[in-house]
Amino acid sequence: MKNNIRVLRAIKNLTQAELAELIQVSRQTINTIEAGKYVPSTVLALKLARVFTVPIEEIFELEGDE
């Protein structure tokens, strides 16, 4: 699953640590999601959408057969 978290963070001028604090996860969680190594839960995806004020589909994109 591809994601645009890094780009959206840059637009909002947020560090990984700041974003993590806003959605109550560790900075490492944000890092692994950005790297595509971890697919967040629905609740976490909704929290990200709320912070960035965009639909989930603008944050995450399925790849290939996913």
N, C-alpha and C. Protein backbone atom coordinates (compact mmCIF):
# COMPACT_ATOMS: atom_id res chain seq x y z
N MET A 1 0.85 -1.18 0.00
CA MET A 1 0.00 0.00 0.00
C MET A 1 0.89 1.23 0.00
N LYS A 2 0.66 2.09 -0.97
CA LYS A 2 1.40 3.36 -1.03
C LYS A 2 0.70 4.39 -0.16
N ASN A 3 1.48 5.37 0.30
CA ASN A 3 0.86 6.44 1.08
C ASN A 3 1.55 7.76 0.79
N ASN A 4 0.85 8.84 1.11
CA ASN A 4 1.35 10.20 0.88
C ASN A 4 1.60 10.94 2.20
N ILE A 5 1.86 10.21 3.25
CA ILE A 5 2.01 10.84 4.56
C ILE A 5 3.16 11.83 4.59
N ARG A 6 4.28 11.46 4.00
CA ARG A 6 5.44 12.36 4.01
C ARG A 6 5.11 13.70 3.34
N VAL A 7 4.43 13.63 2.21
CA VAL A 7 4.05 14.85 1.48
C VAL A 7 3.05 15.67 2.30
N LEU A 8 2.06 15.00 2.86
CA LEU A 8 1.06 15.71 3.66
C LEU A 8 1.67 16.32 4.91
N ARG A 9 2.62 15.62 5.50
CA ARG A 9 3.32 16.19 6.67
C ARG A 9 4.07 17.46 6.28
N ALA A 10 4.71 17.42 5.13
CA ALA A 10 5.46 18.60 4.66
C ALA A 10 4.53 19.78 4.43
N ILE A 11 3.37 19.51 3.85
CA ILE A 11 2.40 20.58 3.61
C ILE A 11 1.96 21.22 4.92
N LYS A 12 1.74 20.37 5.94
CA LYS A 12 1.32 20.87 7.26
C LYS A 12 2.50 21.29 8.13
N ASN A 13 3.72 21.12 7.61
CA ASN A 13 4.94 21.46 8.34
C ASN A 13 5.02 20.72 9.68
N LEU A 14 4.78 19.41 9.63
CA LEU A 14 4.83 18.57 10.82
C LEU A 14 6.01 17.60 10.74
N THR A 15 6.67 17.38 11.86
CA THR A 15 7.68 16.33 11.94
C THR A 15 6.97 15.01 12.21
N GLN A 16 7.71 13.93 12.06
CA GLN A 16 7.13 12.63 12.41
C GLN A 16 6.71 12.61 13.88
N ALA A 17 7.53 13.18 14.73
CA ALA A 17 7.23 13.20 16.17
C ALA A 17 5.96 14.01 16.46
N GLU A 18 5.80 15.14 15.79
CA GLU A 18 4.61 15.97 16.01
C GLU A 18 3.34 15.26 15.54
N LEU A 19 3.43 14.61 14.38
CA LEU A 19 2.28 13.87 13.88
C LEU A 19 1.95 12.71 14.82
N ALA A 20 2.97 12.02 15.26
CA ALA A 20 2.76 10.90 16.19
C ALA A 20 2.05 11.36 17.45
N GLU A 21 2.46 12.48 17.97
CA GLU A 21 1.82 13.01 19.18
C GLU A 21 0.35 13.35 18.92
N LEU A 22 0.06 13.91 17.77
CA LEU A 22 -1.33 14.28 17.44
C LEU A 22 -2.25 13.07 17.37
N ILE A 23 -1.73 11.95 16.90
CA ILE A 23 -2.60 10.77 16.76
C ILE A 23 -2.29 9.70 17.80
N GLN A 24 -1.43 10.04 18.75
CA GLN A 24 -1.15 9.20 19.92
C GLN A 24 -0.53 7.85 19.57
N VAL A 25 0.53 7.91 18.74
CA VAL A 25 1.35 6.74 18.45
C VAL A 25 2.81 7.16 18.58
N SER A 26 3.72 6.22 18.42
CA SER A 26 5.14 6.56 18.50
C SER A 26 5.63 7.12 17.17
N ARG A 27 6.74 7.82 17.21
CA ARG A 27 7.36 8.33 15.99
C ARG A 27 7.76 7.17 15.09
N GLN A 28 8.18 6.06 15.71
CA GLN A 28 8.58 4.89 14.94
C GLN A 28 7.40 4.33 14.14
N THR A 29 6.19 4.41 14.69
CA THR A 29 5.00 3.95 13.97
C THR A 29 4.81 4.78 12.71
N ILE A 30 4.93 6.09 12.85
CA ILE A 30 4.80 6.98 11.67
C ILE A 30 5.87 6.62 10.65
N ASN A 31 7.08 6.40 11.10
CA ASN A 31 8.18 6.06 10.21
C ASN A 31 7.89 4.77 9.45
N THR A 32 7.41 3.73 10.13
CA THR A 32 7.16 2.45 9.45
C THR A 32 5.97 2.54 8.50
N ILE A 33 4.97 3.35 8.84
CA ILE A 33 3.84 3.56 7.92
C ILE A 33 4.33 4.28 6.66
N GLU A 34 5.11 5.36 6.85
CA GLU A 34 5.63 6.11 5.70
C GLU A 34 6.48 5.22 4.79
N ALA A 35 7.24 4.31 5.40
CA ALA A 35 8.12 3.43 4.64
C ALA A 35 7.35 2.29 3.96
N GLY A 36 6.07 2.18 4.24
CA GLY A 36 5.26 1.13 3.64
C GLY A 36 5.45 -0.23 4.29
N LYS A 37 6.04 -0.25 5.48
CA LYS A 37 6.29 -1.52 6.18
C LYS A 37 5.16 -1.90 7.13
N TYR A 38 4.22 -0.99 7.33
CA TYR A 38 3.12 -1.24 8.26
C TYR A 38 1.85 -0.61 7.69
N VAL A 39 0.79 -1.38 7.67
CA VAL A 39 -0.52 -0.87 7.22
C VAL A 39 -1.32 -0.54 8.48
N PRO A 40 -1.70 0.71 8.64
CA PRO A 40 -2.38 1.11 9.87
C PRO A 40 -3.80 0.55 9.96
N SER A 41 -4.29 0.51 11.19
CA SER A 41 -5.67 0.11 11.42
C SER A 41 -6.61 1.17 10.84
N THR A 42 -7.86 0.82 10.74
CA THR A 42 -8.87 1.77 10.26
C THR A 42 -8.94 2.99 11.17
N VAL A 43 -8.88 2.76 12.47
CA VAL A 43 -8.94 3.87 13.42
C VAL A 43 -7.76 4.82 13.21
N LEU A 44 -6.57 4.26 13.05
CA LEU A 44 -5.39 5.10 12.83
C LEU A 44 -5.48 5.84 11.51
N ALA A 45 -5.97 5.18 10.47
CA ALA A 45 -6.14 5.84 9.17
C ALA A 45 -7.13 7.00 9.28
N LEU A 46 -8.21 6.80 10.04
CA LEU A 46 -9.18 7.88 10.23
C LEU A 46 -8.58 9.05 11.00
N LYS A 47 -7.75 8.74 11.99
CA LYS A 47 -7.09 9.82 12.74
C LYS A 47 -6.17 10.62 11.83
N LEU A 48 -5.44 9.92 10.95
CA LEU A 48 -4.57 10.62 10.00
C LEU A 48 -5.39 11.50 9.07
N ALA A 49 -6.50 10.98 8.57
CA ALA A 49 -7.36 11.76 7.69
C ALA A 49 -7.88 13.00 8.39
N ARG A 50 -8.18 12.89 9.67
CA ARG A 50 -8.67 14.04 10.44
C ARG A 50 -7.58 15.10 10.59
N VAL A 51 -6.35 14.66 10.89
CA VAL A 51 -5.24 15.61 11.05
C VAL A 51 -4.97 16.35 9.74
N PHE A 52 -4.97 15.60 8.63
CA PHE A 52 -4.64 16.20 7.34
C PHE A 52 -5.86 16.82 6.64
N THR A 53 -7.03 16.62 7.20
CA THR A 53 -8.30 17.11 6.65
C THR A 53 -8.48 16.74 5.16
N VAL A 54 -8.21 15.47 4.88
CA VAL A 54 -8.41 14.91 3.54
C VAL A 54 -9.07 13.55 3.68
N PRO A 55 -9.71 13.06 2.62
CA PRO A 55 -10.25 11.70 2.65
C PRO A 55 -9.12 10.67 2.75
N ILE A 56 -9.42 9.53 3.33
CA ILE A 56 -8.42 8.46 3.47
C ILE A 56 -7.80 8.11 2.12
N GLU A 57 -8.61 8.15 1.08
CA GLU A 57 -8.11 7.80 -0.25
C GLU A 57 -7.01 8.73 -0.74
N GLU A 58 -6.92 9.93 -0.18
CA GLU A 58 -5.83 10.84 -0.55
C GLU A 58 -4.56 10.54 0.23
N ILE A 59 -4.67 9.71 1.26
CA ILE A 59 -3.50 9.34 2.06
C ILE A 59 -2.95 7.99 1.61
N PHE A 60 -3.85 7.03 1.41
CA PHE A 60 -3.46 5.67 1.09
C PHE A 60 -3.98 5.24 -0.28
N GLU A 61 -3.16 4.43 -0.96
CA GLU A 61 -3.54 3.93 -2.28
C GLU A 61 -3.13 2.46 -2.40
N LEU A 62 -4.07 1.63 -2.82
CA LEU A 62 -3.77 0.22 -3.00
C LEU A 62 -2.87 0.05 -4.22
N GLU A 63 -2.00 -0.96 -4.14
CA GLU A 63 -1.09 -1.25 -5.25
C GLU A 63 -1.41 -2.62 -5.83
N GLY A 64 -1.37 -2.76 -7.11
CA GLY A 64 -1.51 -4.05 -7.76
C GLY A 64 -2.72 -4.85 -7.32
N ASP A 65 -2.48 -6.06 -6.80
CA ASP A 65 -3.56 -6.98 -6.43
C ASP A 65 -4.07 -6.78 -5.01
N GLU A 66 -3.63 -5.79 -4.31
CA GLU A 66 -4.05 -5.60 -2.92
C GLU A 66 -5.55 -5.48 -2.82
